[in-house]
mmCIF file of all heavy atoms, coordinates in Angstrom:
data_MODEL
# 
_entry.id   MODEL 
# 
loop_
_atom_site.group_PDB 
_atom_site.id 
_atom_site.type_symbol 
_atom_site.label_atom_id 
_atom_site.label_alt_id 
_atom_site.label_comp_id 
_atom_site.label_asym_id 
_atom_site.label_entity_id 
_atom_site.label_seq_id 
_atom_site.pdbx_PDB_ins_code 
_atom_site.Cartn_x 
_atom_site.Cartn_y 
_atom_site.Cartn_z 
_atom_site.occupancy 
_atom_site.B_iso_or_equiv 
_atom_site.pdbx_formal_charge 
_atom_site.auth_seq_id 
_atom_site.auth_comp_id 
_atom_site.auth_asym_id 
_atom_site.auth_atom_id 
_atom_site.pdbx_PDB_model_num 
ATOM 1   N N   . PRO A 1 1  ? 28.890 -274.694 -23.237 1.00 0.00 ? 1  PRO A N   1 
ATOM 2   C CA  . PRO A 1 1  ? 27.461 -274.646 -22.913 1.00 0.00 ? 1  PRO A CA  1 
ATOM 3   C C   . PRO A 1 1  ? 27.169 -274.189 -21.480 1.00 0.00 ? 1  PRO A C   1 
ATOM 4   O O   . PRO A 1 1  ? 26.054 -273.785 -21.183 1.00 0.00 ? 1  PRO A O   1 
ATOM 5   C CB  . PRO A 1 1  ? 26.995 -276.093 -23.129 1.00 0.00 ? 1  PRO A CB  1 
ATOM 6   C CG  . PRO A 1 1  ? 28.217 -276.916 -23.017 1.00 0.00 ? 1  PRO A CG  1 
ATOM 7   C CD  . PRO A 1 1  ? 29.356 -276.051 -23.485 1.00 0.00 ? 1  PRO A CD  1 
ATOM 8   N N   . PHE A 1 2  ? 28.147 -274.236 -20.620 1.00 0.00 ? 2  PHE A N   1 
ATOM 9   C CA  . PHE A 1 2  ? 27.948 -273.846 -19.225 1.00 0.00 ? 2  PHE A CA  1 
ATOM 10  C C   . PHE A 1 2  ? 28.441 -272.433 -18.922 1.00 0.00 ? 2  PHE A C   1 
ATOM 11  O O   . PHE A 1 2  ? 28.447 -272.020 -17.764 1.00 0.00 ? 2  PHE A O   1 
ATOM 12  C CB  . PHE A 1 2  ? 28.645 -274.840 -18.292 1.00 0.00 ? 2  PHE A CB  1 
ATOM 13  C CG  . PHE A 1 2  ? 28.155 -276.242 -18.443 1.00 0.00 ? 2  PHE A CG  1 
ATOM 14  C CD1 . PHE A 1 2  ? 28.945 -277.213 -19.015 1.00 0.00 ? 2  PHE A CD1 1 
ATOM 15  C CD2 . PHE A 1 2  ? 26.885 -276.586 -18.020 1.00 0.00 ? 2  PHE A CD2 1 
ATOM 16  C CE1 . PHE A 1 2  ? 28.496 -278.508 -19.158 1.00 0.00 ? 2  PHE A CE1 1 
ATOM 17  C CE2 . PHE A 1 2  ? 26.420 -277.881 -18.162 1.00 0.00 ? 2  PHE A CE2 1 
ATOM 18  C CZ  . PHE A 1 2  ? 27.230 -278.849 -18.736 1.00 0.00 ? 2  PHE A CZ  1 
ATOM 19  N N   . GLU A 1 3  ? 28.849 -271.691 -19.929 1.00 0.00 ? 3  GLU A N   1 
ATOM 20  C CA  . GLU A 1 3  ? 29.431 -270.362 -19.699 1.00 0.00 ? 3  GLU A CA  1 
ATOM 21  C C   . GLU A 1 3  ? 28.456 -269.425 -19.000 1.00 0.00 ? 3  GLU A C   1 
ATOM 22  O O   . GLU A 1 3  ? 28.844 -268.683 -18.090 1.00 0.00 ? 3  GLU A O   1 
ATOM 23  C CB  . GLU A 1 3  ? 29.896 -269.751 -21.014 1.00 0.00 ? 3  GLU A CB  1 
ATOM 24  C CG  . GLU A 1 3  ? 30.637 -268.443 -20.820 1.00 0.00 ? 3  GLU A CG  1 
ATOM 25  C CD  . GLU A 1 3  ? 31.241 -267.920 -22.111 1.00 0.00 ? 3  GLU A CD  1 
ATOM 26  O OE1 . GLU A 1 3  ? 31.052 -268.545 -23.164 1.00 0.00 ? 3  GLU A OE1 1 
ATOM 27  O OE2 . GLU A 1 3  ? 31.902 -266.885 -22.037 1.00 0.00 ? 3  GLU A OE2 1 
ATOM 28  N N   . SER A 1 4  ? 27.191 -269.441 -19.380 1.00 0.00 ? 4  SER A N   1 
ATOM 29  C CA  . SER A 1 4  ? 26.228 -268.541 -18.739 1.00 0.00 ? 4  SER A CA  1 
ATOM 30  C C   . SER A 1 4  ? 26.034 -268.903 -17.267 1.00 0.00 ? 4  SER A C   1 
ATOM 31  O O   . SER A 1 4  ? 25.901 -268.017 -16.420 1.00 0.00 ? 4  SER A O   1 
ATOM 32  C CB  . SER A 1 4  ? 24.891 -268.571 -19.478 1.00 0.00 ? 4  SER A CB  1 
ATOM 33  O OG  . SER A 1 4  ? 24.340 -269.875 -19.449 1.00 0.00 ? 4  SER A OG  1 
ATOM 34  N N   . ILE A 1 5  ? 26.043 -270.196 -16.953 1.00 0.00 ? 5  ILE A N   1 
ATOM 35  C CA  . ILE A 1 5  ? 25.906 -270.625 -15.558 1.00 0.00 ? 5  ILE A CA  1 
ATOM 36  C C   . ILE A 1 5  ? 27.135 -270.198 -14.760 1.00 0.00 ? 5  ILE A C   1 
ATOM 37  O O   . ILE A 1 5  ? 27.021 -269.682 -13.645 1.00 0.00 ? 5  ILE A O   1 
ATOM 38  C CB  . ILE A 1 5  ? 25.713 -272.146 -15.480 1.00 0.00 ? 5  ILE A CB  1 
ATOM 39  C CG1 . ILE A 1 5  ? 24.422 -272.560 -16.156 1.00 0.00 ? 5  ILE A CG1 1 
ATOM 40  C CG2 . ILE A 1 5  ? 25.732 -272.627 -14.030 1.00 0.00 ? 5  ILE A CG2 1 
ATOM 41  C CD1 . ILE A 1 5  ? 24.276 -274.046 -16.343 1.00 0.00 ? 5  ILE A CD1 1 
ATOM 42  N N   . GLN A 1 6  ? 28.315 -270.377 -15.340 1.00 0.00 ? 6  GLN A N   1 
ATOM 43  C CA  . GLN A 1 6  ? 29.556 -269.991 -14.667 1.00 0.00 ? 6  GLN A CA  1 
ATOM 44  C C   . GLN A 1 6  ? 29.581 -268.491 -14.410 1.00 0.00 ? 6  GLN A C   1 
ATOM 45  O O   . GLN A 1 6  ? 29.968 -268.040 -13.324 1.00 0.00 ? 6  GLN A O   1 
ATOM 46  C CB  . GLN A 1 6  ? 30.756 -270.412 -15.502 1.00 0.00 ? 6  GLN A CB  1 
ATOM 47  C CG  . GLN A 1 6  ? 30.902 -271.897 -15.650 1.00 0.00 ? 6  GLN A CG  1 
ATOM 48  C CD  . GLN A 1 6  ? 31.935 -272.281 -16.706 1.00 0.00 ? 6  GLN A CD  1 
ATOM 49  O OE1 . GLN A 1 6  ? 32.670 -271.459 -17.197 1.00 0.00 ? 6  GLN A OE1 1 
ATOM 50  N NE2 . GLN A 1 6  ? 31.960 -273.554 -17.051 1.00 0.00 ? 6  GLN A NE2 1 
ATOM 51  N N   . THR A 1 7  ? 29.152 -267.717 -15.388 1.00 0.00 ? 7  THR A N   1 
ATOM 52  C CA  . THR A 1 7  ? 29.127 -266.264 -15.236 1.00 0.00 ? 7  THR A CA  1 
ATOM 53  C C   . THR A 1 7  ? 28.168 -265.863 -14.119 1.00 0.00 ? 7  THR A C   1 
ATOM 54  O O   . THR A 1 7  ? 28.472 -264.994 -13.304 1.00 0.00 ? 7  THR A O   1 
ATOM 55  C CB  . THR A 1 7  ? 28.715 -265.595 -16.564 1.00 0.00 ? 7  THR A CB  1 
ATOM 56  O OG1 . THR A 1 7  ? 29.632 -266.007 -17.570 1.00 0.00 ? 7  THR A OG1 1 
ATOM 57  C CG2 . THR A 1 7  ? 28.718 -264.090 -16.450 1.00 0.00 ? 7  THR A CG2 1 
ATOM 58  N N   . TRP A 1 8  ? 27.012 -266.508 -14.067 1.00 0.00 ? 8  TRP A N   1 
ATOM 59  C CA  . TRP A 1 8  ? 26.042 -266.199 -13.013 1.00 0.00 ? 8  TRP A CA  1 
ATOM 60  C C   . TRP A 1 8  ? 26.606 -266.553 -11.643 1.00 0.00 ? 8  TRP A C   1 
ATOM 61  O O   . TRP A 1 8  ? 26.465 -265.789 -10.688 1.00 0.00 ? 8  TRP A O   1 
ATOM 62  C CB  . TRP A 1 8  ? 24.734 -266.957 -13.246 1.00 0.00 ? 8  TRP A CB  1 
ATOM 63  C CG  . TRP A 1 8  ? 23.671 -266.526 -12.294 1.00 0.00 ? 8  TRP A CG  1 
ATOM 64  C CD1 . TRP A 1 8  ? 22.791 -265.504 -12.454 1.00 0.00 ? 8  TRP A CD1 1 
ATOM 65  C CD2 . TRP A 1 8  ? 23.403 -267.086 -10.998 1.00 0.00 ? 8  TRP A CD2 1 
ATOM 66  N NE1 . TRP A 1 8  ? 21.989 -265.407 -11.343 1.00 0.00 ? 8  TRP A NE1 1 
ATOM 67  C CE2 . TRP A 1 8  ? 22.335 -266.357 -10.444 1.00 0.00 ? 8  TRP A CE2 1 
ATOM 68  C CE3 . TRP A 1 8  ? 23.955 -268.129 -10.277 1.00 0.00 ? 8  TRP A CE3 1 
ATOM 69  C CZ2 . TRP A 1 8  ? 21.809 -266.642 -9.189  1.00 0.00 ? 8  TRP A CZ2 1 
ATOM 70  C CZ3 . TRP A 1 8  ? 23.428 -268.410 -9.016  1.00 0.00 ? 8  TRP A CZ3 1 
ATOM 71  C CH2 . TRP A 1 8  ? 22.374 -267.679 -8.492  1.00 0.00 ? 8  TRP A CH2 1 
ATOM 72  N N   . LEU A 1 9  ? 27.244 -267.709 -11.523 1.00 0.00 ? 9  LEU A N   1 
ATOM 73  C CA  . LEU A 1 9  ? 27.815 -268.124 -10.238 1.00 0.00 ? 9  LEU A CA  1 
ATOM 74  C C   . LEU A 1 9  ? 28.882 -267.151 -9.759  1.00 0.00 ? 9  LEU A C   1 
ATOM 75  O O   . LEU A 1 9  ? 28.941 -266.821 -8.573  1.00 0.00 ? 9  LEU A O   1 
ATOM 76  C CB  . LEU A 1 9  ? 28.393 -269.534 -10.350 1.00 0.00 ? 9  LEU A CB  1 
ATOM 77  C CG  . LEU A 1 9  ? 27.379 -270.662 -10.505 1.00 0.00 ? 9  LEU A CG  1 
ATOM 78  C CD1 . LEU A 1 9  ? 28.099 -271.971 -10.797 1.00 0.00 ? 9  LEU A CD1 1 
ATOM 79  C CD2 . LEU A 1 9  ? 26.510 -270.786 -9.278  1.00 0.00 ? 9  LEU A CD2 1 
ATOM 80  N N   . VAL A 1 10 ? 29.723 -266.680 -10.674 1.00 0.00 ? 10 VAL A N   1 
ATOM 81  C CA  . VAL A 1 10 ? 30.770 -265.717 -10.305 1.00 0.00 ? 10 VAL A CA  1 
ATOM 82  C C   . VAL A 1 10 ? 30.144 -264.384 -9.904  1.00 0.00 ? 10 VAL A C   1 
ATOM 83  O O   . VAL A 1 10 ? 30.617 -263.713 -8.996  1.00 0.00 ? 10 VAL A O   1 
ATOM 84  C CB  . VAL A 1 10 ? 31.766 -265.533 -11.476 1.00 0.00 ? 10 VAL A CB  1 
ATOM 85  C CG1 . VAL A 1 10 ? 32.699 -264.370 -11.229 1.00 0.00 ? 10 VAL A CG1 1 
ATOM 86  C CG2 . VAL A 1 10 ? 32.548 -266.812 -11.686 1.00 0.00 ? 10 VAL A CG2 1 
ATOM 87  N N   . GLY A 1 11 ? 29.049 -264.023 -10.542 1.00 0.00 ? 11 GLY A N   1 
ATOM 88  C CA  . GLY A 1 11 ? 28.387 -262.757 -10.237 1.00 0.00 ? 11 GLY A CA  1 
ATOM 89  C C   . GLY A 1 11 ? 27.563 -262.773 -8.968  1.00 0.00 ? 11 GLY A C   1 
ATOM 90  O O   . GLY A 1 11 ? 27.170 -261.719 -8.471  1.00 0.00 ? 11 GLY A O   1 
ATOM 91  N N   . HIS A 1 12 ? 27.270 -263.947 -8.428  1.00 0.00 ? 12 HIS A N   1 
ATOM 92  C CA  . HIS A 1 12 ? 26.424 -264.058 -7.240  1.00 0.00 ? 12 HIS A CA  1 
ATOM 93  C C   . HIS A 1 12 ? 27.069 -264.981 -6.193  1.00 0.00 ? 12 HIS A C   1 
ATOM 94  O O   . HIS A 1 12 ? 26.524 -266.031 -5.847  1.00 0.00 ? 12 HIS A O   1 
ATOM 95  C CB  . HIS A 1 12 ? 25.053 -264.613 -7.640  1.00 0.00 ? 12 HIS A CB  1 
ATOM 96  C CG  . HIS A 1 12 ? 24.316 -263.748 -8.599  1.00 0.00 ? 12 HIS A CG  1 
ATOM 97  N ND1 . HIS A 1 12 ? 24.499 -263.849 -9.962  1.00 0.00 ? 12 HIS A ND1 1 
ATOM 98  C CD2 . HIS A 1 12 ? 23.424 -262.756 -8.408  1.00 0.00 ? 12 HIS A CD2 1 
ATOM 99  C CE1 . HIS A 1 12 ? 23.730 -262.963 -10.566 1.00 0.00 ? 12 HIS A CE1 1 
ATOM 100 N NE2 . HIS A 1 12 ? 23.075 -262.278 -9.643  1.00 0.00 ? 12 HIS A NE2 1 
ATOM 101 N N   . PRO A 1 13 ? 28.219 -264.587 -5.662  1.00 0.00 ? 13 PRO A N   1 
ATOM 102 C CA  . PRO A 1 13 ? 28.921 -265.463 -4.716  1.00 0.00 ? 13 PRO A CA  1 
ATOM 103 C C   . PRO A 1 13 ? 28.164 -265.687 -3.411  1.00 0.00 ? 13 PRO A C   1 
ATOM 104 O O   . PRO A 1 13 ? 28.308 -266.738 -2.788  1.00 0.00 ? 13 PRO A O   1 
ATOM 105 C CB  . PRO A 1 13 ? 30.249 -264.743 -4.472  1.00 0.00 ? 13 PRO A CB  1 
ATOM 106 C CG  . PRO A 1 13 ? 29.962 -263.314 -4.777  1.00 0.00 ? 13 PRO A CG  1 
ATOM 107 C CD  . PRO A 1 13 ? 28.942 -263.339 -5.878  1.00 0.00 ? 13 PRO A CD  1 
ATOM 108 N N   . LEU A 1 14 ? 27.352 -264.724 -2.998  1.00 0.00 ? 14 LEU A N   1 
ATOM 109 C CA  . LEU A 1 14 ? 26.603 -264.896 -1.750  1.00 0.00 ? 14 LEU A CA  1 
ATOM 110 C C   . LEU A 1 14 ? 25.601 -266.043 -1.881  1.00 0.00 ? 14 LEU A C   1 
ATOM 111 O O   . LEU A 1 14 ? 25.469 -266.862 -0.963  1.00 0.00 ? 14 LEU A O   1 
ATOM 112 C CB  . LEU A 1 14 ? 25.887 -263.603 -1.366  1.00 0.00 ? 14 LEU A CB  1 
ATOM 113 C CG  . LEU A 1 14 ? 25.118 -263.657 -0.048  1.00 0.00 ? 14 LEU A CG  1 
ATOM 114 C CD1 . LEU A 1 14 ? 26.063 -263.965 1.109   1.00 0.00 ? 14 LEU A CD1 1 
ATOM 115 C CD2 . LEU A 1 14 ? 24.394 -262.352 0.197   1.00 0.00 ? 14 LEU A CD2 1 
ATOM 116 N N   . TRP A 1 15 ? 24.914 -266.121 -3.007  1.00 0.00 ? 15 TRP A N   1 
ATOM 117 C CA  . TRP A 1 15 ? 23.969 -267.213 -3.222  1.00 0.00 ? 15 TRP A CA  1 
ATOM 118 C C   . TRP A 1 15 ? 24.677 -268.558 -3.236  1.00 0.00 ? 15 TRP A C   1 
ATOM 119 O O   . TRP A 1 15 ? 24.163 -269.545 -2.713  1.00 0.00 ? 15 TRP A O   1 
ATOM 120 C CB  . TRP A 1 15 ? 23.193 -267.021 -4.525  1.00 0.00 ? 15 TRP A CB  1 
ATOM 121 C CG  . TRP A 1 15 ? 22.131 -265.976 -4.419  1.00 0.00 ? 15 TRP A CG  1 
ATOM 122 C CD1 . TRP A 1 15 ? 22.142 -264.756 -5.015  1.00 0.00 ? 15 TRP A CD1 1 
ATOM 123 C CD2 . TRP A 1 15 ? 20.925 -266.041 -3.650  1.00 0.00 ? 15 TRP A CD2 1 
ATOM 124 N NE1 . TRP A 1 15 ? 21.019 -264.064 -4.671  1.00 0.00 ? 15 TRP A NE1 1 
ATOM 125 C CE2 . TRP A 1 15 ? 20.250 -264.826 -3.830  1.00 0.00 ? 15 TRP A CE2 1 
ATOM 126 C CE3 . TRP A 1 15 ? 20.370 -267.003 -2.841  1.00 0.00 ? 15 TRP A CE3 1 
ATOM 127 C CZ2 . TRP A 1 15 ? 19.029 -264.562 -3.213  1.00 0.00 ? 15 TRP A CZ2 1 
ATOM 128 C CZ3 . TRP A 1 15 ? 19.154 -266.734 -2.230  1.00 0.00 ? 15 TRP A CZ3 1 
ATOM 129 C CH2 . TRP A 1 15 ? 18.500 -265.529 -2.425  1.00 0.00 ? 15 TRP A CH2 1 
ATOM 130 N N   . VAL A 1 16 ? 25.845 -268.586 -3.818  1.00 0.00 ? 16 VAL A N   1 
ATOM 131 C CA  . VAL A 1 16 ? 26.621 -269.836 -3.854  1.00 0.00 ? 16 VAL A CA  1 
ATOM 132 C C   . VAL A 1 16 ? 27.010 -270.241 -2.437  1.00 0.00 ? 16 VAL A C   1 
ATOM 133 O O   . VAL A 1 16 ? 26.842 -271.399 -2.040  1.00 0.00 ? 16 VAL A O   1 
ATOM 134 C CB  . VAL A 1 16 ? 27.871 -269.685 -4.749  1.00 0.00 ? 16 VAL A CB  1 
ATOM 135 C CG1 . VAL A 1 16 ? 28.746 -270.926 -4.680  1.00 0.00 ? 16 VAL A CG1 1 
ATOM 136 C CG2 . VAL A 1 16 ? 27.466 -269.391 -6.185  1.00 0.00 ? 16 VAL A CG2 1 
ATOM 137 N N   . ALA A 1 17 ? 27.497 -269.294 -1.652  1.00 0.00 ? 17 ALA A N   1 
ATOM 138 C CA  . ALA A 1 17 ? 27.917 -269.585 -0.277  1.00 0.00 ? 17 ALA A CA  1 
ATOM 139 C C   . ALA A 1 17 ? 26.731 -270.035 0.581   1.00 0.00 ? 17 ALA A C   1 
ATOM 140 O O   . ALA A 1 17 ? 26.844 -270.995 1.361   1.00 0.00 ? 17 ALA A O   1 
ATOM 141 C CB  . ALA A 1 17 ? 28.579 -268.363 0.341   1.00 0.00 ? 17 ALA A CB  1 
ATOM 142 N N   . VAL A 1 18 ? 25.599 -269.377 0.438   1.00 0.00 ? 18 VAL A N   1 
ATOM 143 C CA  . VAL A 1 18 ? 24.410 -269.743 1.213   1.00 0.00 ? 18 VAL A CA  1 
ATOM 144 C C   . VAL A 1 18 ? 23.929 -271.142 0.827   1.00 0.00 ? 18 VAL A C   1 
ATOM 145 O O   . VAL A 1 18 ? 23.564 -271.945 1.691   1.00 0.00 ? 18 VAL A O   1 
ATOM 146 C CB  . VAL A 1 18 ? 23.293 -268.695 1.004   1.00 0.00 ? 18 VAL A CB  1 
ATOM 147 C CG1 . VAL A 1 18 ? 21.958 -269.185 1.532   1.00 0.00 ? 18 VAL A CG1 1 
ATOM 148 C CG2 . VAL A 1 18 ? 23.679 -267.382 1.666   1.00 0.00 ? 18 VAL A CG2 1 
ATOM 149 N N   . THR A 1 19 ? 23.951 -271.452 -0.455  1.00 0.00 ? 19 THR A N   1 
ATOM 150 C CA  . THR A 1 19 ? 23.520 -272.775 -0.918  1.00 0.00 ? 19 THR A CA  1 
ATOM 151 C C   . THR A 1 19 ? 24.439 -273.868 -0.390  1.00 0.00 ? 19 THR A C   1 
ATOM 152 O O   . THR A 1 19 ? 23.970 -274.896 0.104   1.00 0.00 ? 19 THR A O   1 
ATOM 153 C CB  . THR A 1 19 ? 23.475 -272.811 -2.457  1.00 0.00 ? 19 THR A CB  1 
ATOM 154 O OG1 . THR A 1 19 ? 22.583 -271.792 -2.916  1.00 0.00 ? 19 THR A OG1 1 
ATOM 155 C CG2 . THR A 1 19 ? 23.025 -274.152 -2.963  1.00 0.00 ? 19 THR A CG2 1 
ATOM 156 N N   . VAL A 1 20 ? 25.738 -273.645 -0.476  1.00 0.00 ? 20 VAL A N   1 
ATOM 157 C CA  . VAL A 1 20 ? 26.694 -274.642 0.021   1.00 0.00 ? 20 VAL A CA  1 
ATOM 158 C C   . VAL A 1 20 ? 26.543 -274.820 1.528   1.00 0.00 ? 20 VAL A C   1 
ATOM 159 O O   . VAL A 1 20 ? 26.544 -275.951 2.036   1.00 0.00 ? 20 VAL A O   1 
ATOM 160 C CB  . VAL A 1 20 ? 28.140 -274.250 -0.363  1.00 0.00 ? 20 VAL A CB  1 
ATOM 161 C CG1 . VAL A 1 20 ? 29.152 -275.124 0.347   1.00 0.00 ? 20 VAL A CG1 1 
ATOM 162 C CG2 . VAL A 1 20 ? 28.316 -274.333 -1.863  1.00 0.00 ? 20 VAL A CG2 1 
ATOM 163 N N   . ALA A 1 21 ? 26.378 -273.721 2.258   1.00 0.00 ? 21 ALA A N   1 
ATOM 164 C CA  . ALA A 1 21 ? 26.210 -273.815 3.711   1.00 0.00 ? 21 ALA A CA  1 
ATOM 165 C C   . ALA A 1 21 ? 24.920 -274.550 4.065   1.00 0.00 ? 21 ALA A C   1 
ATOM 166 O O   . ALA A 1 21 ? 24.895 -275.369 4.994   1.00 0.00 ? 21 ALA A O   1 
ATOM 167 C CB  . ALA A 1 21 ? 26.208 -272.417 4.327   1.00 0.00 ? 21 ALA A CB  1 
ATOM 168 N N   . GLY A 1 22 ? 23.858 -274.275 3.335   1.00 0.00 ? 22 GLY A N   1 
ATOM 169 C CA  . GLY A 1 22 ? 22.591 -274.964 3.584   1.00 0.00 ? 22 GLY A CA  1 
ATOM 170 C C   . GLY A 1 22 ? 22.682 -276.456 3.318   1.00 0.00 ? 22 GLY A C   1 
ATOM 171 O O   . GLY A 1 22 ? 22.175 -277.278 4.099   1.00 0.00 ? 22 GLY A O   1 
ATOM 172 N N   . LEU A 1 23 ? 23.336 -276.822 2.223   1.00 0.00 ? 23 LEU A N   1 
ATOM 173 C CA  . LEU A 1 23 ? 23.510 -278.240 1.914   1.00 0.00 ? 23 LEU A CA  1 
ATOM 174 C C   . LEU A 1 23 ? 24.377 -278.934 2.964   1.00 0.00 ? 23 LEU A C   1 
ATOM 175 O O   . LEU A 1 23 ? 24.104 -280.072 3.351   1.00 0.00 ? 23 LEU A O   1 
ATOM 176 C CB  . LEU A 1 23 ? 24.122 -278.402 0.521   1.00 0.00 ? 23 LEU A CB  1 
ATOM 177 C CG  . LEU A 1 23 ? 23.195 -278.044 -0.645  1.00 0.00 ? 23 LEU A CG  1 
ATOM 178 C CD1 . LEU A 1 23 ? 23.978 -278.057 -1.950  1.00 0.00 ? 23 LEU A CD1 1 
ATOM 179 C CD2 . LEU A 1 23 ? 22.018 -278.987 -0.709  1.00 0.00 ? 23 LEU A CD2 1 
ATOM 180 N N   . ALA A 1 24 ? 25.412 -278.241 3.429   1.00 0.00 ? 24 ALA A N   1 
ATOM 181 C CA  . ALA A 1 24 ? 26.274 -278.819 4.465   1.00 0.00 ? 24 ALA A CA  1 
ATOM 182 C C   . ALA A 1 24 ? 25.506 -279.003 5.772   1.00 0.00 ? 24 ALA A C   1 
ATOM 183 O O   . ALA A 1 24 ? 25.641 -280.038 6.443   1.00 0.00 ? 24 ALA A O   1 
ATOM 184 C CB  . ALA A 1 24 ? 27.492 -277.935 4.682   1.00 0.00 ? 24 ALA A CB  1 
ATOM 185 N N   . ALA A 1 25 ? 24.685 -278.023 6.142   1.00 0.00 ? 25 ALA A N   1 
ATOM 186 C CA  . ALA A 1 25 ? 23.893 -278.138 7.367   1.00 0.00 ? 25 ALA A CA  1 
ATOM 187 C C   . ALA A 1 25 ? 22.883 -279.272 7.262   1.00 0.00 ? 25 ALA A C   1 
ATOM 188 O O   . ALA A 1 25 ? 22.694 -280.039 8.222   1.00 0.00 ? 25 ALA A O   1 
ATOM 189 C CB  . ALA A 1 25 ? 23.176 -276.818 7.646   1.00 0.00 ? 25 ALA A CB  1 
ATOM 190 N N   . ALA A 1 26 ? 22.262 -279.399 6.101   1.00 0.00 ? 26 ALA A N   1 
ATOM 191 C CA  . ALA A 1 26 ? 21.297 -280.489 5.906   1.00 0.00 ? 26 ALA A CA  1 
ATOM 192 C C   . ALA A 1 26 ? 21.993 -281.844 5.980   1.00 0.00 ? 26 ALA A C   1 
ATOM 193 O O   . ALA A 1 26 ? 21.482 -282.778 6.614   1.00 0.00 ? 26 ALA A O   1 
ATOM 194 C CB  . ALA A 1 26 ? 20.590 -280.319 4.572   1.00 0.00 ? 26 ALA A CB  1 
ATOM 195 N N   . ALA A 1 27 ? 23.141 -281.971 5.352   1.00 0.00 ? 27 ALA A N   1 
ATOM 196 C CA  . ALA A 1 27 ? 23.878 -283.230 5.376   1.00 0.00 ? 27 ALA A CA  1 
ATOM 197 C C   . ALA A 1 27 ? 24.325 -283.563 6.795   1.00 0.00 ? 27 ALA A C   1 
ATOM 198 O O   . ALA A 1 27 ? 24.271 -284.721 7.221   1.00 0.00 ? 27 ALA A O   1 
ATOM 199 C CB  . ALA A 1 27 ? 25.085 -283.156 4.453   1.00 0.00 ? 27 ALA A CB  1 
ATOM 200 N N   . HIS A 1 28 ? 24.734 -282.552 7.551   1.00 0.00 ? 28 HIS A N   1 
ATOM 201 C CA  . HIS A 1 28 ? 25.151 -282.773 8.932   1.00 0.00 ? 28 HIS A CA  1 
ATOM 202 C C   . HIS A 1 28 ? 23.971 -283.253 9.769   1.00 0.00 ? 28 HIS A C   1 
ATOM 203 O O   . HIS A 1 28 ? 24.108 -284.173 10.586  1.00 0.00 ? 28 HIS A O   1 
ATOM 204 C CB  . HIS A 1 28 ? 25.734 -281.490 9.522   1.00 0.00 ? 28 HIS A CB  1 
ATOM 205 C CG  . HIS A 1 28 ? 26.167 -281.632 10.937  1.00 0.00 ? 28 HIS A CG  1 
ATOM 206 N ND1 . HIS A 1 28 ? 27.268 -282.375 11.309  1.00 0.00 ? 28 HIS A ND1 1 
ATOM 207 C CD2 . HIS A 1 28 ? 25.636 -281.156 12.086  1.00 0.00 ? 28 HIS A CD2 1 
ATOM 208 C CE1 . HIS A 1 28 ? 27.402 -282.333 12.623  1.00 0.00 ? 28 HIS A CE1 1 
ATOM 209 N NE2 . HIS A 1 28 ? 26.412 -281.598 13.113  1.00 0.00 ? 28 HIS A NE2 1 
# 
């Protein structure tokens, strides 16, 4: 059921990196 989400995440690594960096900055 998560295959479409996984495919999107692999296809858009910049968005994933920006989201993770933003969450890390907010947590910090």
